[in-house]
Amino acid sequence: MIYLHETDQPSDKIKLAVQDQRAFIQTLGVQELTDLNAVIARGEGDQLIADCEKKHALDIERISQTIFNKQDELGVVLIAGPSSSGKTTFSNRLRESLFVRGITCHVISTDDYFLSDNDARRKNGEVDWESLDIVDTELFDQHMNALNHGETIELPFFNFLNGSREWHGNKIKLLDKHLIVVEGIHGLNPKLAPNLPETLKYKLYVSPIPQMTYRGEHIAPSSFRLLRRLVRDHLYRAAKAEDTLARWQSVRQGEVKNIFPFIAEADDVFNSTLPYEPAVLREQALALLTNIPENTMQYEFYEPIREMLRDIVSLPTTNIPNYSLLREFIG
């Protein structure tokens, strides 16, 4: 069975996240995307931002409390999700929330366990960055088991500039009231750490799962993530929209193959949707998509997203807090 989106997965946790989001946007009065226009026109945009951020904070606290209650039996919290879901910000905020509860977290990225370029399996002459095959699962598995047996390990560092693994003397050891927090797209895949007992793992799935509609049709989660990625890639990498879109197809194929089949493994789901975000991303994303040459397939294919963005008004970033998950994409 192929799942093109999270909501295609027969997961009880996803169903609960969907129900929760539908109830929330009904409370906010933004069930239809263009409802954002009325909220902003009434001068209530800042309140909408505050309400959405409070919802995120409450959801993070709920997950943090669950982990705190299970701390005596857990060793590793695995955070997975597709591209542009906000995994990095979520991991950091969860770490901070657990810290005030007396738990120290060591955050590890599976990216640092990538094989060096000359070792990585290639497809069409290029490294498939979405595949588990480029992760040194043997070393990762050894490290996770060693940490949970009280041993000290040295964490690797993957240098993306030269495509090689490096060692910088970054050693860690789990003490009392310590946890490992692992962030990466493969966190739900049982093959990532097959010899680590499942009882030591707490698996979290992070992704925007919007329930807004546009002209009567539900907006796909991937549309929210694409807007985030367009803006982020331009901000941090000066990337044109056509460059991001050229990679997006491969990214989506990787998600369908490597992430979505394992969603049912998740112990909990964090819906990273911020219902106000289309209005914030609108101006930059629309400009980027409009600058695509008109005589290309990309221009025609993404016209529905441009049309959707044209139908809403922009919301300034002034009152978006610095800790917001959206700051990962807008700076």
C-alpha atoms as a PDB file:
ATOM      1  CA  MET A   1       0.000   0.000   0.000  1.00  0.00           C
ATOM      2  CA  ILE A   2       1.341   3.442  -1.000  1.00  0.00           C
ATOM      3  CA  TYR A   3       0.505   6.406   1.232  1.00  0.00           C
ATOM      4  CA  LEU A   4       0.868   9.735  -0.594  1.00  0.00           C
ATOM      5  CA  HIS A   5       0.087  11.746   2.531  1.00  0.00           C
ATOM      6  CA  GLU A   6       0.046  11.217   6.302  1.00  0.00           C
ATOM      7  CA  THR A   7      -3.735  11.251   6.337  1.00  0.00           C
ATOM      8  CA  ASP A   8      -3.821   8.227   4.004  1.00  0.00           C
ATOM      9  CA  GLN A   9      -2.272   6.124   6.780  1.00  0.00           C
ATOM     10  CA  PRO A  10      -4.722   4.101   8.912  1.00  0.00           C
ATOM     11  CA  SER A  11      -3.100   5.370  12.118  1.00  0.00           C
ATOM     12  CA  ASP A  12      -5.172   6.100  15.218  1.00  0.00           C
ATOM     13  CA  LYS A  13      -2.671   8.784  16.237  1.00  0.00           C
ATOM     14  CA  ILE A  14      -3.082  10.562  12.895  1.00  0.00           C
ATOM     15  CA  LYS A  15      -6.860  10.336  13.180  1.00  0.00           C
ATOM     16  CA  LEU A  16      -6.715  11.958  16.622  1.00  0.00           C
ATOM     17  CA  ALA A  17      -4.457  14.719  15.272  1.00  0.00           C
ATOM     18  CA  VAL A  18      -6.914  15.353  12.446  1.00  0.00           C
ATOM     19  CA  GLN A  19      -9.892  15.530  14.808  1.00  0.00           C
ATOM     20  CA  ASP A  20      -8.001  17.833  17.151  1.00  0.00           C
ATOM     21  CA  GLN A  21      -7.003  20.203  14.341  1.00  0.00           C
ATOM     22  CA  ARG A  22     -10.532  20.337  12.941  1.00  0.00           C
ATOM     23  CA  ALA A  23     -11.902  21.289  16.343  1.00  0.00           C
ATOM     24  CA  PHE A  24      -9.189  23.930  16.767  1.00  0.00           C
ATOM     25  CA  ILE A  25      -9.730  25.702  13.438  1.00  0.00           C
ATOM     26  CA  GLN A  26     -13.481  25.637  14.095  1.00  0.00           C
ATOM     27  CA  THR A  27     -12.850  27.434  17.390  1.00  0.00           C
ATOM     28  CA  LEU A  28     -10.623  29.939  15.581  1.00  0.00           C
ATOM     29  CA  GLY A  29     -13.143  30.432  12.794  1.00  0.00           C
ATOM     30  CA  VAL A  30     -10.646  29.646  10.026  1.00  0.00           C
ATOM     31  CA  GLN A  31     -11.931  26.390   8.564  1.00  0.00           C
ATOM     32  CA  GLU A  32     -11.678  27.783   5.024  1.00  0.00           C
ATOM     33  CA  LEU A  33      -8.362  29.309   3.958  1.00  0.00           C
ATOM     34  CA  THR A  34      -9.966  32.583   2.929  1.00  0.00           C
ATOM     35  CA  ASP A  35     -11.435  32.923   6.445  1.00  0.00           C
ATOM     36  CA  LEU A  36      -7.990  34.286   7.288  1.00  0.00           C
ATOM     37  CA  ASN A  37      -8.883  37.422   5.314  1.00  0.00           C
ATOM     38  CA  ALA A  38     -11.830  38.229   7.581  1.00  0.00           C
ATOM     39  CA  VAL A  39      -9.800  37.645  10.744  1.00  0.00           C
ATOM     40  CA  ILE A  40      -7.020  39.935   9.521  1.00  0.00           C
ATOM     41  CA  ALA A  41      -9.503  42.565   8.288  1.00  0.00           C
ATOM     42  CA  ARG A  42     -11.034  42.699  11.788  1.00  0.00           C
ATOM     43  CA  GLY A  43      -7.591  43.469  13.188  1.00  0.00           C
ATOM     44  CA  GLU A  44      -7.426  40.086  14.941  1.00  0.00           C
ATOM     45  CA  GLY A  45      -4.339  38.741  13.178  1.00  0.00           C
ATOM     46  CA  ASP A  46      -2.097  39.153  16.217  1.00  0.00           C
ATOM     47  CA  GLN A  47      -4.608  37.336  18.409  1.00  0.00           C
ATOM     48  CA  LEU A  48      -4.758  34.511  15.858  1.00  0.00           C
ATOM     49  CA  ILE A  49      -0.973  34.204  16.027  1.00  0.00           C
ATOM     50  CA  ALA A  50      -1.068  34.137  19.834  1.00  0.00           C
ATOM     51  CA  ASP A  51      -3.803  31.470  19.897  1.00  0.00           C
ATOM     52  CA  CYS A  52      -1.968  29.219  17.432  1.00  0.00           C
ATOM     53  CA  GLU A  53       1.320  29.550  19.300  1.00  0.00           C
ATOM     54  CA  LYS A  54      -0.422  28.735  22.578  1.00  0.00           C
ATOM     55  CA  LYS A  55      -1.827  25.572  20.999  1.00  0.00           C
ATOM     56  CA  HIS A  56       1.668  24.503  19.969  1.00  0.00           C
ATOM     57  CA  ALA A  57       2.993  25.200  23.458  1.00  0.00           C
ATOM     58  CA  LEU A  58       0.226  23.139  25.069  1.00  0.00           C
ATOM     59  CA  ASP A  59       0.818  20.225  22.696  1.00  0.00           C
ATOM     60  CA  ILE A  60       4.557  20.263  23.417  1.00  0.00           C
ATOM     61  CA  GLU A  61       3.879  20.344  27.153  1.00  0.00           C
ATOM     62  CA  ARG A  62       1.495  17.390  26.830  1.00  0.00           C
ATOM     63  CA  ILE A  63       4.124  15.314  25.033  1.00  0.00           C
ATOM     64  CA  SER A  64       6.812  16.432  27.479  1.00  0.00           C
ATOM     65  CA  GLN A  65       4.684  15.368  30.444  1.00  0.00           C
ATOM     66  CA  THR A  66       4.052  11.964  28.872  1.00  0.00           C
ATOM     67  CA  ILE A  67       7.792  11.409  28.422  1.00  0.00           C
ATOM     68  CA  PHE A  68       8.457  12.647  31.958  1.00  0.00           C
ATOM     69  CA  ASN A  69       5.964  10.104  33.311  1.00  0.00           C
ATOM     70  CA  LYS A  70       7.761   7.320  31.399  1.00  0.00           C
ATOM     71  CA  GLN A  71      11.326   8.478  32.091  1.00  0.00           C
ATOM     72  CA  ASP A  72      12.286   5.442  34.170  1.00  0.00           C
ATOM     73  CA  GLU A  73      11.606   3.082  31.276  1.00  0.00           C
ATOM     74  CA  LEU A  74      12.796   5.190  28.322  1.00  0.00           C
ATOM     75  CA  GLY A  75      16.253   5.758  26.881  1.00  0.00           C
ATOM     76  CA  VAL A  76      15.676   7.314  23.471  1.00  0.00           C
ATOM     77  CA  VAL A  77      13.078   9.709  22.053  1.00  0.00           C
ATOM     78  CA  LEU A  78      12.996   9.390  18.266  1.00  0.00           C
ATOM     79  CA  ILE A  79      11.559  12.336  16.320  1.00  0.00           C
ATOM     80  CA  ALA A  80      10.729  11.762  12.661  1.00  0.00           C
ATOM     81  CA  GLY A  81       8.835  13.534   9.939  1.00  0.00           C
ATOM     82  CA  PRO A  82       9.070  14.745   6.355  1.00  0.00           C
ATOM     83  CA  SER A  83      11.003  17.741   5.075  1.00  0.00           C
ATOM     84  CA  SER A  84      10.058  21.204   6.386  1.00  0.00           C
ATOM     85  CA  SER A  85       7.940  19.857   9.229  1.00  0.00           C
ATOM     86  CA  GLY A  86       9.768  21.827  11.917  1.00  0.00           C
ATOM     87  CA  LYS A  87      11.519  18.851  13.512  1.00  0.00           C
ATOM     88  CA  THR A  88      14.545  20.876  14.595  1.00  0.00           C
ATOM     89  CA  THR A  89      12.557  23.550  16.416  1.00  0.00           C
ATOM     90  CA  PHE A  90      10.254  20.954  17.939  1.00  0.00           C
ATOM     91  CA  SER A  91      13.246  18.938  19.195  1.00  0.00           C
ATOM     92  CA  ASN A  92      14.756  22.010  20.839  1.00  0.00           C
ATOM     93  CA  ARG A  93      11.494  23.090  22.456  1.00  0.00           C
ATOM     94  CA  LEU A  94      10.842  19.572  23.729  1.00  0.00           C
ATOM     95  CA  ARG A  95      14.368  19.488  25.153  1.00  0.00           C
ATOM     96  CA  GLU A  96      13.750  22.793  26.960  1.00  0.00           C
ATOM     97  CA  SER A  97      10.420  21.571  28.310  1.00  0.00           C
ATOM     98  CA  LEU A  98      11.982  18.368  29.628  1.00  0.00           C
ATOM     99  CA  PHE A  99      14.872  20.318  31.151  1.00  0.00           C
ATOM    100  CA  VAL A 100      12.558  22.330  33.411  1.00  0.00           C
ATOM    101  CA  ARG A 101      11.125  18.972  34.501  1.00  0.00           C
ATOM    102  CA  GLY A 102      14.598  17.881  35.577  1.00  0.00           C
ATOM    103  CA  ILE A 103      15.518  15.793  32.532  1.00  0.00           C
ATOM    104  CA  THR A 104      18.673  16.552  30.547  1.00  0.00           C
ATOM    105  CA  CYS A 105      18.456  15.687  26.850  1.00  0.00           C
ATOM    106  CA  HIS A 106      21.279  15.006  24.414  1.00  0.00           C
ATOM    107  CA  VAL A 107      19.974  15.926  20.951  1.00  0.00           C
ATOM    108  CA  ILE A 108      21.444  13.828  18.137  1.00  0.00           C
ATOM    109  CA  SER A 109      20.778  14.186  14.407  1.00  0.00           C
ATOM    110  CA  THR A 110      20.775  11.089  12.224  1.00  0.00           C
ATOM    111  CA  ASP A 111      22.325  13.294   9.520  1.00  0.00           C
ATOM    112  CA  ASP A 112      25.605  13.038  11.425  1.00  0.00           C
ATOM    113  CA  TYR A 113      25.511   9.278  10.842  1.00  0.00           C
ATOM    114  CA  PHE A 114      25.495   9.657   7.062  1.00  0.00           C
ATOM    115  CA  LEU A 115      28.071   7.522   5.301  1.00  0.00           C
ATOM    116  CA  SER A 116      30.866   9.402   3.564  1.00  0.00           C
ATOM    117  CA  ASP A 117      30.144  10.093  -0.108  1.00  0.00           C
ATOM    118  CA  ASN A 118      32.500   7.391  -1.304  1.00  0.00           C
ATOM    119  CA  ASP A 119      30.693   4.857   0.904  1.00  0.00           C
ATOM    120  CA  ALA A 120      27.116   5.976   0.299  1.00  0.00           C
ATOM    121  CA  ARG A 121      24.935   4.081  -2.108  1.00  0.00           C
ATOM    122  CA  ARG A 122      24.231   6.171  -5.177  1.00  0.00           C
ATOM    123  CA  LYS A 123      21.308   6.347  -7.576  1.00  0.00           C
ATOM    124  CA  ASN A 124      21.917   7.668 -11.092  1.00  0.00           C
ATOM    125  CA  GLY A 125      25.347   8.784  -9.931  1.00  0.00           C
ATOM    126  CA  GLU A 126      24.006  10.874  -7.058  1.00  0.00           C
ATOM    127  CA  VAL A 127      23.496  10.228  -3.355  1.00  0.00           C
ATOM    128  CA  ASP A 128      19.859   9.559  -2.466  1.00  0.00           C
ATOM    129  CA  TRP A 129      19.633  11.720   0.652  1.00  0.00           C
ATOM    130  CA  GLU A 130      16.134  10.432   1.452  1.00  0.00           C
ATOM    131  CA  SER A 131      17.216   6.786   1.721  1.00  0.00           C
ATOM    132  CA  LEU A 132      18.087   4.896   4.889  1.00  0.00           C
ATOM    133  CA  ASP A 133      20.888   3.290   2.874  1.00  0.00           C
ATOM    134  CA  ILE A 134      23.099   6.367   3.321  1.00  0.00           C
ATOM    135  CA  VAL A 135      22.815   6.170   7.126  1.00  0.00           C
ATOM    136  CA  ASP A 136      25.386   4.115   8.999  1.00  0.00           C
ATOM    137  CA  THR A 137      22.716   2.182  10.871  1.00  0.00           C
ATOM    138  CA  GLU A 138      25.258  -0.252  12.295  1.00  0.00           C
ATOM    139  CA  LEU A 139      27.179   2.533  14.038  1.00  0.00           C
ATOM    140  CA  PHE A 140      23.999   4.299  15.128  1.00  0.00           C
ATOM    141  CA  ASP A 141      22.634   1.069  16.599  1.00  0.00           C
ATOM    142  CA  GLN A 142      25.923   0.426  18.424  1.00  0.00           C
ATOM    143  CA  HIS A 143      25.950   3.947  19.860  1.00  0.00           C
ATOM    144  CA  MET A 144      22.345   3.845  21.075  1.00  0.00           C
ATOM    145  CA  ASN A 145      22.887   0.506  22.801  1.00  0.00           C
ATOM    146  CA  ALA A 146      26.204   1.626  24.295  1.00  0.00           C
ATOM    147  CA  LEU A 147      24.645   4.781  25.738  1.00  0.00           C
ATOM    148  CA  ASN A 148      21.810   2.822  27.272  1.00  0.00           C
ATOM    149  CA  HIS A 149      24.359   0.512  28.905  1.00  0.00           C
ATOM    150  CA  GLY A 150      26.088   3.433  30.590  1.00  0.00           C
ATOM    151  CA  GLU A 151      29.007   3.642  28.185  1.00  0.00           C
ATOM    152  CA  THR A 152      30.616   6.787  26.794  1.00  0.00           C
ATOM    153  CA  ILE A 153      30.536   7.352  23.036  1.00  0.00           C
ATOM    154  CA  GLU A 154      32.015   9.921  20.676  1.00  0.00           C
ATOM    155  CA  LEU A 155      29.438  11.434  18.349  1.00  0.00           C
ATOM    156  CA  PRO A 156      30.307  11.748  14.662  1.00  0.00           C
ATOM    157  CA  PHE A 157      29.855  14.961  12.687  1.00  0.00           C
ATOM    158  CA  PHE A 158      28.916  14.911   9.017  1.00  0.00           C
ATOM    159  CA  ASN A 159      30.538  17.670   6.996  1.00  0.00           C
ATOM    160  CA  PHE A 160      28.152  18.474   4.141  1.00  0.00           C
ATOM    161  CA  LEU A 161      30.730  20.723   2.477  1.00  0.00           C
ATOM    162  CA  ASN A 162      33.084  17.859   1.675  1.00  0.00           C
ATOM    163  CA  GLY A 163      30.675  14.951   2.131  1.00  0.00           C
ATOM    164  CA  SER A 164      32.671  13.180   4.814  1.00  0.00           C
ATOM    165  CA  ARG A 165      32.308  12.050   8.412  1.00  0.00           C
ATOM    166  CA  GLU A 166      34.483  13.790  10.983  1.00  0.00           C
ATOM    167  CA  TRP A 167      35.282  13.297  14.661  1.00  0.00           C
ATOM    168  CA  HIS A 168      35.583  16.360  16.892  1.00  0.00           C
ATOM    169  CA  GLY A 169      35.903  14.724  20.308  1.00  0.00           C
ATOM    170  CA  ASN A 170      32.231  15.275  21.175  1.00  0.00           C
ATOM    171  CA  LYS A 171      31.730  12.593  23.828  1.00  0.00           C
ATOM    172  CA  ILE A 172      28.555  11.926  25.791  1.00  0.00           C
ATOM    173  CA  LYS A 173      27.380   9.547  28.498  1.00  0.00           C
ATOM    174  CA  LEU A 174      23.895   9.057  29.897  1.00  0.00           C
ATOM    175  CA  LEU A 175      23.640   9.846  33.586  1.00  0.00           C
ATOM    176  CA  ASP A 176      20.619   9.652  35.850  1.00  0.00           C
ATOM    177  CA  LYS A 177      17.675  11.628  34.440  1.00  0.00           C
ATOM    178  CA  HIS A 178      19.302  11.856  31.017  1.00  0.00           C
ATOM    179  CA  LEU A 179      17.614  11.057  27.703  1.00  0.00           C
ATOM    180  CA  ILE A 180      18.706  10.892  24.089  1.00  0.00           C
ATOM    181  CA  VAL A 181      16.573  12.857  21.627  1.00  0.00           C
ATOM    182  CA  VAL A 182      17.153  11.757  18.040  1.00  0.00           C
ATOM    183  CA  GLU A 183      15.966  13.908  15.149  1.00  0.00           C
ATOM    184  CA  GLY A 184      15.821  12.687  11.554  1.00  0.00           C
ATOM    185  CA  ILE A 185      13.459  11.505   8.854  1.00  0.00           C
ATOM    186  CA  HIS A 186      14.052   7.791   9.615  1.00  0.00           C
ATOM    187  CA  GLY A 187      13.267   7.838  13.332  1.00  0.00           C
ATOM    188  CA  LEU A 188      10.209   5.602  12.969  1.00  0.00           C
ATOM    189  CA  ASN A 189      11.945   2.991  10.830  1.00  0.00           C
ATOM    190  CA  PRO A 190      12.677  -0.155  12.911  1.00  0.00           C
ATOM    191  CA  LYS A 191      15.837  -0.724  10.843  1.00  0.00           C
ATOM    192  CA  LEU A 192      17.466   2.436  12.222  1.00  0.00           C
ATOM    193  CA  ALA A 193      18.335   0.776  15.541  1.00  0.00           C
ATOM    194  CA  PRO A 194      17.144  -2.835  15.241  1.00  0.00           C
ATOM    195  CA  ASN A 195      18.990  -4.121  18.312  1.00  0.00           C
ATOM    196  CA  LEU A 196      17.791  -1.414  20.675  1.00  0.00           C
ATOM    197  CA  PRO A 197      14.832  -2.793  22.669  1.00  0.00           C
ATOM    198  CA  GLU A 198      11.536  -1.212  21.625  1.00  0.00           C
ATOM    199  CA  THR A 199      10.692  -0.663  25.290  1.00  0.00           C
ATOM    200  CA  LEU A 200      13.475   1.944  25.458  1.00  0.00           C
ATOM    201  CA  LYS A 201      12.097   3.933  22.513  1.00  0.00           C
ATOM    202  CA  TYR A 202       9.468   6.664  22.408  1.00  0.00           C
ATOM    203  CA  LYS A 203       8.657   7.562  18.818  1.00  0.00           C
ATOM    204  CA  LEU A 204       7.194  10.897  17.745  1.00  0.00           C
ATOM    205  CA  TYR A 205       5.920  11.886  14.323  1.00  0.00           C
ATOM    206  CA  VAL A 206       6.117  15.600  13.489  1.00  0.00           C
ATOM    207  CA  SER A 207       4.433  17.172  10.475  1.00  0.00           C
ATOM    208  CA  PRO A 208       1.898  19.835   9.569  1.00  0.00           C
ATOM    209  CA  ILE A 209      -1.463  18.122   9.142  1.00  0.00           C
ATOM    210  CA  PRO A 210      -3.705  21.066   8.164  1.00  0.00           C
ATOM    211  CA  GLN A 211      -7.446  20.607   7.982  1.00  0.00           C
ATOM    212  CA  MET A 212      -8.269  23.885   6.265  1.00  0.00           C
ATOM    213  CA  THR A 213     -10.115  23.737   2.976  1.00  0.00           C
ATOM    214  CA  TYR A 214      -9.762  25.862  -0.129  1.00  0.00           C
ATOM    215  CA  ARG A 215     -12.787  26.034  -2.403  1.00  0.00           C
ATOM    216  CA  GLY A 216     -14.214  22.995  -0.655  1.00  0.00           C
ATOM    217  CA  GLU A 217     -11.103  20.809  -0.989  1.00  0.00           C
ATOM    218  CA  HIS A 218      -8.741  19.944   1.849  1.00  0.00           C
ATOM    219  CA  ILE A 219      -5.288  21.484   1.502  1.00  0.00           C
ATOM    220  CA  ALA A 220      -2.617  18.778   1.278  1.00  0.00           C
ATOM    221  CA  PRO A 221      -0.040  18.717   4.097  1.00  0.00           C
ATOM    222  CA  SER A 222       2.687  18.768   1.455  1.00  0.00           C
ATOM    223  CA  SER A 223       1.444  22.175   0.248  1.00  0.00           C
ATOM    224  CA  PHE A 224       2.104  23.730   3.662  1.00  0.00           C
ATOM    225  CA  ARG A 225       5.553  22.153   3.753  1.00  0.00           C
ATOM    226  CA  LEU A 226       6.389  23.281   0.222  1.00  0.00           C
ATOM    227  CA  LEU A 227       5.584  26.915   1.074  1.00  0.00           C
ATOM    228  CA  ARG A 228       7.848  26.660   4.123  1.00  0.00           C
ATOM    229  CA  ARG A 229      10.665  25.159   2.086  1.00  0.00           C
ATOM    230  CA  LEU A 230      10.405  27.702  -0.740  1.00  0.00           C
ATOM    231  CA  VAL A 231      10.767  30.582   1.703  1.00  0.00           C
ATOM    232  CA  ARG A 232      13.495  28.905   3.776  1.00  0.00           C
ATOM    233  CA  ASP A 233      15.597  27.864   0.769  1.00  0.00           C
ATOM    234  CA  HIS A 234      15.455  31.389  -0.610  1.00  0.00           C
ATOM    235  CA  LEU A 235      16.278  32.956   2.756  1.00  0.00           C
ATOM    236  CA  TYR A 236      19.178  30.710   3.738  1.00  0.00           C
ATOM    237  CA  ARG A 237      20.458  29.473   0.367  1.00  0.00           C
ATOM    238  CA  ALA A 238      19.349  32.227  -2.042  1.00  0.00           C
ATOM    239  CA  ALA A 239      17.620  29.446  -4.003  1.00  0.00           C
ATOM    240  CA  LYS A 240      15.210  30.232  -6.813  1.00  0.00           C
ATOM    241  CA  ALA A 241      11.804  28.573  -6.722  1.00  0.00           C
ATOM    242  CA  GLU A 242      12.620  26.421  -9.745  1.00  0.00           C
ATOM    243  CA  ASP A 243      15.654  24.998  -7.928  1.00  0.00           C
ATOM    244  CA  THR A 244      13.610  24.065  -4.852  1.00  0.00           C
ATOM    245  CA  LEU A 245      10.803  22.649  -6.982  1.00  0.00           C
ATOM    246  CA  ALA A 246      13.263  20.572  -9.010  1.00  0.00           C
ATOM    247  CA  ARG A 247      14.345  18.829  -5.797  1.00  0.00           C
ATOM    248  CA  TRP A 248      10.847  18.643  -4.343  1.00  0.00           C
ATOM    249  CA  GLN A 249       9.716  15.709  -6.481  1.00  0.00           C
ATOM    250  CA  SER A 250      12.617  13.604  -5.230  1.00  0.00           C
ATOM    251  CA  VAL A 251      11.924  14.699  -1.649  1.00  0.00           C
ATOM    252  CA  ARG A 252       8.270  13.700  -1.964  1.00  0.00           C
ATOM    253  CA  GLN A 253       9.170  10.331  -3.462  1.00  0.00           C
ATOM    254  CA  GLY A 254      11.516   9.737  -0.547  1.00  0.00           C
ATOM    255  CA  GLU A 255       8.774  10.547   1.954  1.00  0.00           C
ATOM    256  CA  VAL A 256       6.334   8.141   0.358  1.00  0.00           C
ATOM    257  CA  LYS A 257       8.952   5.378   0.416  1.00  0.00           C
ATOM    258  CA  ASN A 258      10.880   6.026   3.631  1.00  0.00           C
ATOM    259  CA  ILE A 259       8.620   7.851   6.084  1.00  0.00           C
ATOM    260  CA  PHE A 260       4.891   7.403   5.541  1.00  0.00           C
ATOM    261  CA  PRO A 261       4.920   3.566   5.679  1.00  0.00           C
ATOM    262  CA  PHE A 262       6.162   3.742   9.286  1.00  0.00           C
ATOM    263  CA  ILE A 263       3.769   6.350  10.722  1.00  0.00           C
ATOM    264  CA  ALA A 264       1.846   3.627  12.557  1.00  0.00           C
ATOM    265  CA  GLU A 265       5.021   3.045  14.617  1.00  0.00           C
ATOM    266  CA  ALA A 266       4.629   6.468  16.286  1.00  0.00           C
ATOM    267  CA  ASP A 267       3.660   6.641  19.951  1.00  0.00           C
ATOM    268  CA  ASP A 268       2.430  10.208  19.514  1.00  0.00           C
ATOM    269  CA  VAL A 269       1.963  12.863  16.831  1.00  0.00           C
ATOM    270  CA  PHE A 270       2.813  16.558  16.957  1.00  0.00           C
ATOM    271  CA  ASN A 271       0.825  18.492  14.377  1.00  0.00           C
ATOM    272  CA  SER A 272       3.131  21.369  13.466  1.00  0.00           C
ATOM    273  CA  THR A 273       0.438  23.252  11.546  1.00  0.00           C
ATOM    274  CA  LEU A 274       0.079  26.916  12.439  1.00  0.00           C
ATOM    275  CA  PRO A 275      -3.245  27.922  10.844  1.00  0.00           C
ATOM    276  CA  TYR A 276      -2.047  31.498  10.350  1.00  0.00           C
ATOM    277  CA  GLU A 277       1.107  30.522   8.440  1.00  0.00           C
ATOM    278  CA  PRO A 278      -0.221  30.721   4.841  1.00  0.00           C
ATOM    279  CA  ALA A 279      -0.856  34.434   5.357  1.00  0.00           C
ATOM    280  CA  VAL A 280       2.692  34.918   6.675  1.00  0.00           C
ATOM    281  CA  LEU A 281       4.372  32.887   3.932  1.00  0.00           C
ATOM    282  CA  ARG A 282       2.131  34.308   1.199  1.00  0.00           C
ATOM    283  CA  GLU A 283       4.107  37.349   0.094  1.00  0.00           C
ATOM    284  CA  GLN A 284       7.499  35.681  -0.273  1.00  0.00           C
ATOM    285  CA  ALA A 285       6.198  32.365  -1.620  1.00  0.00           C
ATOM    286  CA  LEU A 286       3.956  34.049  -4.203  1.00  0.00           C
ATOM    287  CA  ALA A 287       6.803  36.252  -5.422  1.00  0.00           C
ATOM    288  CA  LEU A 288       9.078  33.221  -5.791  1.00  0.00           C
ATOM    289  CA  LEU A 289       6.457  31.172  -7.628  1.00  0.00           C
ATOM    290  CA  THR A 290       5.549  34.091  -9.889  1.00  0.00           C
ATOM    291  CA  ASN A 291       9.173  34.512 -10.955  1.00  0.00           C
ATOM    292  CA  ILE A 292       9.283  31.029 -12.478  1.00  0.00           C
ATOM    293  CA  PRO A 293       9.613  31.357 -16.282  1.00  0.00           C
ATOM    294  CA  GLU A 294       6.129  31.058 -17.781  1.00  0.00           C
ATOM    295  CA  ASN A 295       7.184  28.729 -20.584  1.00  0.00           C
ATOM    296  CA  THR A 296       8.076  25.919 -18.169  1.00  0.00           C
ATOM    297  CA  MET A 297       6.121  22.920 -16.910  1.00  0.00           C
ATOM    298  CA  GLN A 298       6.799  24.064 -13.344  1.00  0.00           C
ATOM    299  CA  TYR A 299       4.967  27.336 -13.903  1.00  0.00           C
ATOM    300  CA  GLU A 300       1.823  25.584 -15.107  1.00  0.00           C
ATOM    301  CA  PHE A 301       1.972  22.779 -12.529  1.00  0.00           C
ATOM    302  CA  TYR A 302       2.138  25.142  -9.550  1.00  0.00           C
ATOM    303  CA  GLU A 303      -0.491  27.597 -10.781  1.00  0.00           C
ATOM    304  CA  PRO A 304      -3.085  26.205  -8.284  1.00  0.00           C
ATOM    305  CA  ILE A 305      -0.800  27.140  -5.377  1.00  0.00           C
ATOM    306  CA  ARG A 306      -0.253  30.632  -6.814  1.00  0.00           C
ATOM    307  CA  GLU A 307      -4.002  30.995  -7.206  1.00  0.00           C
ATOM    308  CA  MET A 308      -4.551  29.924  -3.599  1.00  0.00           C
ATOM    309  CA  LEU A 309      -2.025  32.468  -2.342  1.00  0.00           C
ATOM    310  CA  ARG A 310      -3.572  35.260  -4.417  1.00  0.00           C
ATOM    311  CA  ASP A 311      -6.880  34.665  -2.639  1.00  0.00           C
ATOM    312  CA  ILE A 312      -5.546  35.536   0.827  1.00  0.00           C
ATOM    313  CA  VAL A 313      -4.007  38.654   2.316  1.00  0.00           C
ATOM    314  CA  SER A 314      -0.603  38.879   3.950  1.00  0.00           C
ATOM    315  CA  LEU A 315       0.025  38.904   7.679  1.00  0.00           C
ATOM    316  CA  PRO A 316       3.169  40.654   8.966  1.00  0.00           C
ATOM    317  CA  THR A 317       5.743  38.748  10.995  1.00  0.00           C
ATOM    318  CA  THR A 318       6.109  41.446  13.654  1.00  0.00           C
ATOM    319  CA  ASN A 319       4.307  39.610  16.442  1.00  0.00           C
ATOM    320  CA  ILE A 320       5.446  36.080  15.663  1.00  0.00           C
ATOM    321  CA  PRO A 321       7.511  35.089  18.727  1.00  0.00           C
ATOM    322  CA  ASN A 322      11.163  34.172  18.312  1.00  0.00           C
ATOM    323  CA  TYR A 323      10.489  30.676  19.662  1.00  0.00           C
ATOM    324  CA  SER A 324       7.821  29.990  17.029  1.00  0.00           C
ATOM    325  CA  LEU A 325       8.318  26.911  14.897  1.00  0.00           C
ATOM    326  CA  LEU A 326       7.680  29.121  11.866  1.00  0.00           C
ATOM    327  CA  ARG A 327      10.866  31.088  12.610  1.00  0.00           C
ATOM    328  CA  GLU A 328      12.777  28.040  11.378  1.00  0.00           C
ATOM    329  CA  PHE A 329      11.586  29.011   7.895  1.00  0.00           C
ATOM    330  CA  ILE A 330      11.175  32.801   7.921  1.00  0.00           C
ATOM    331  CA  GLY A 331      14.157  33.751  10.098  1.00  0.00           C
END
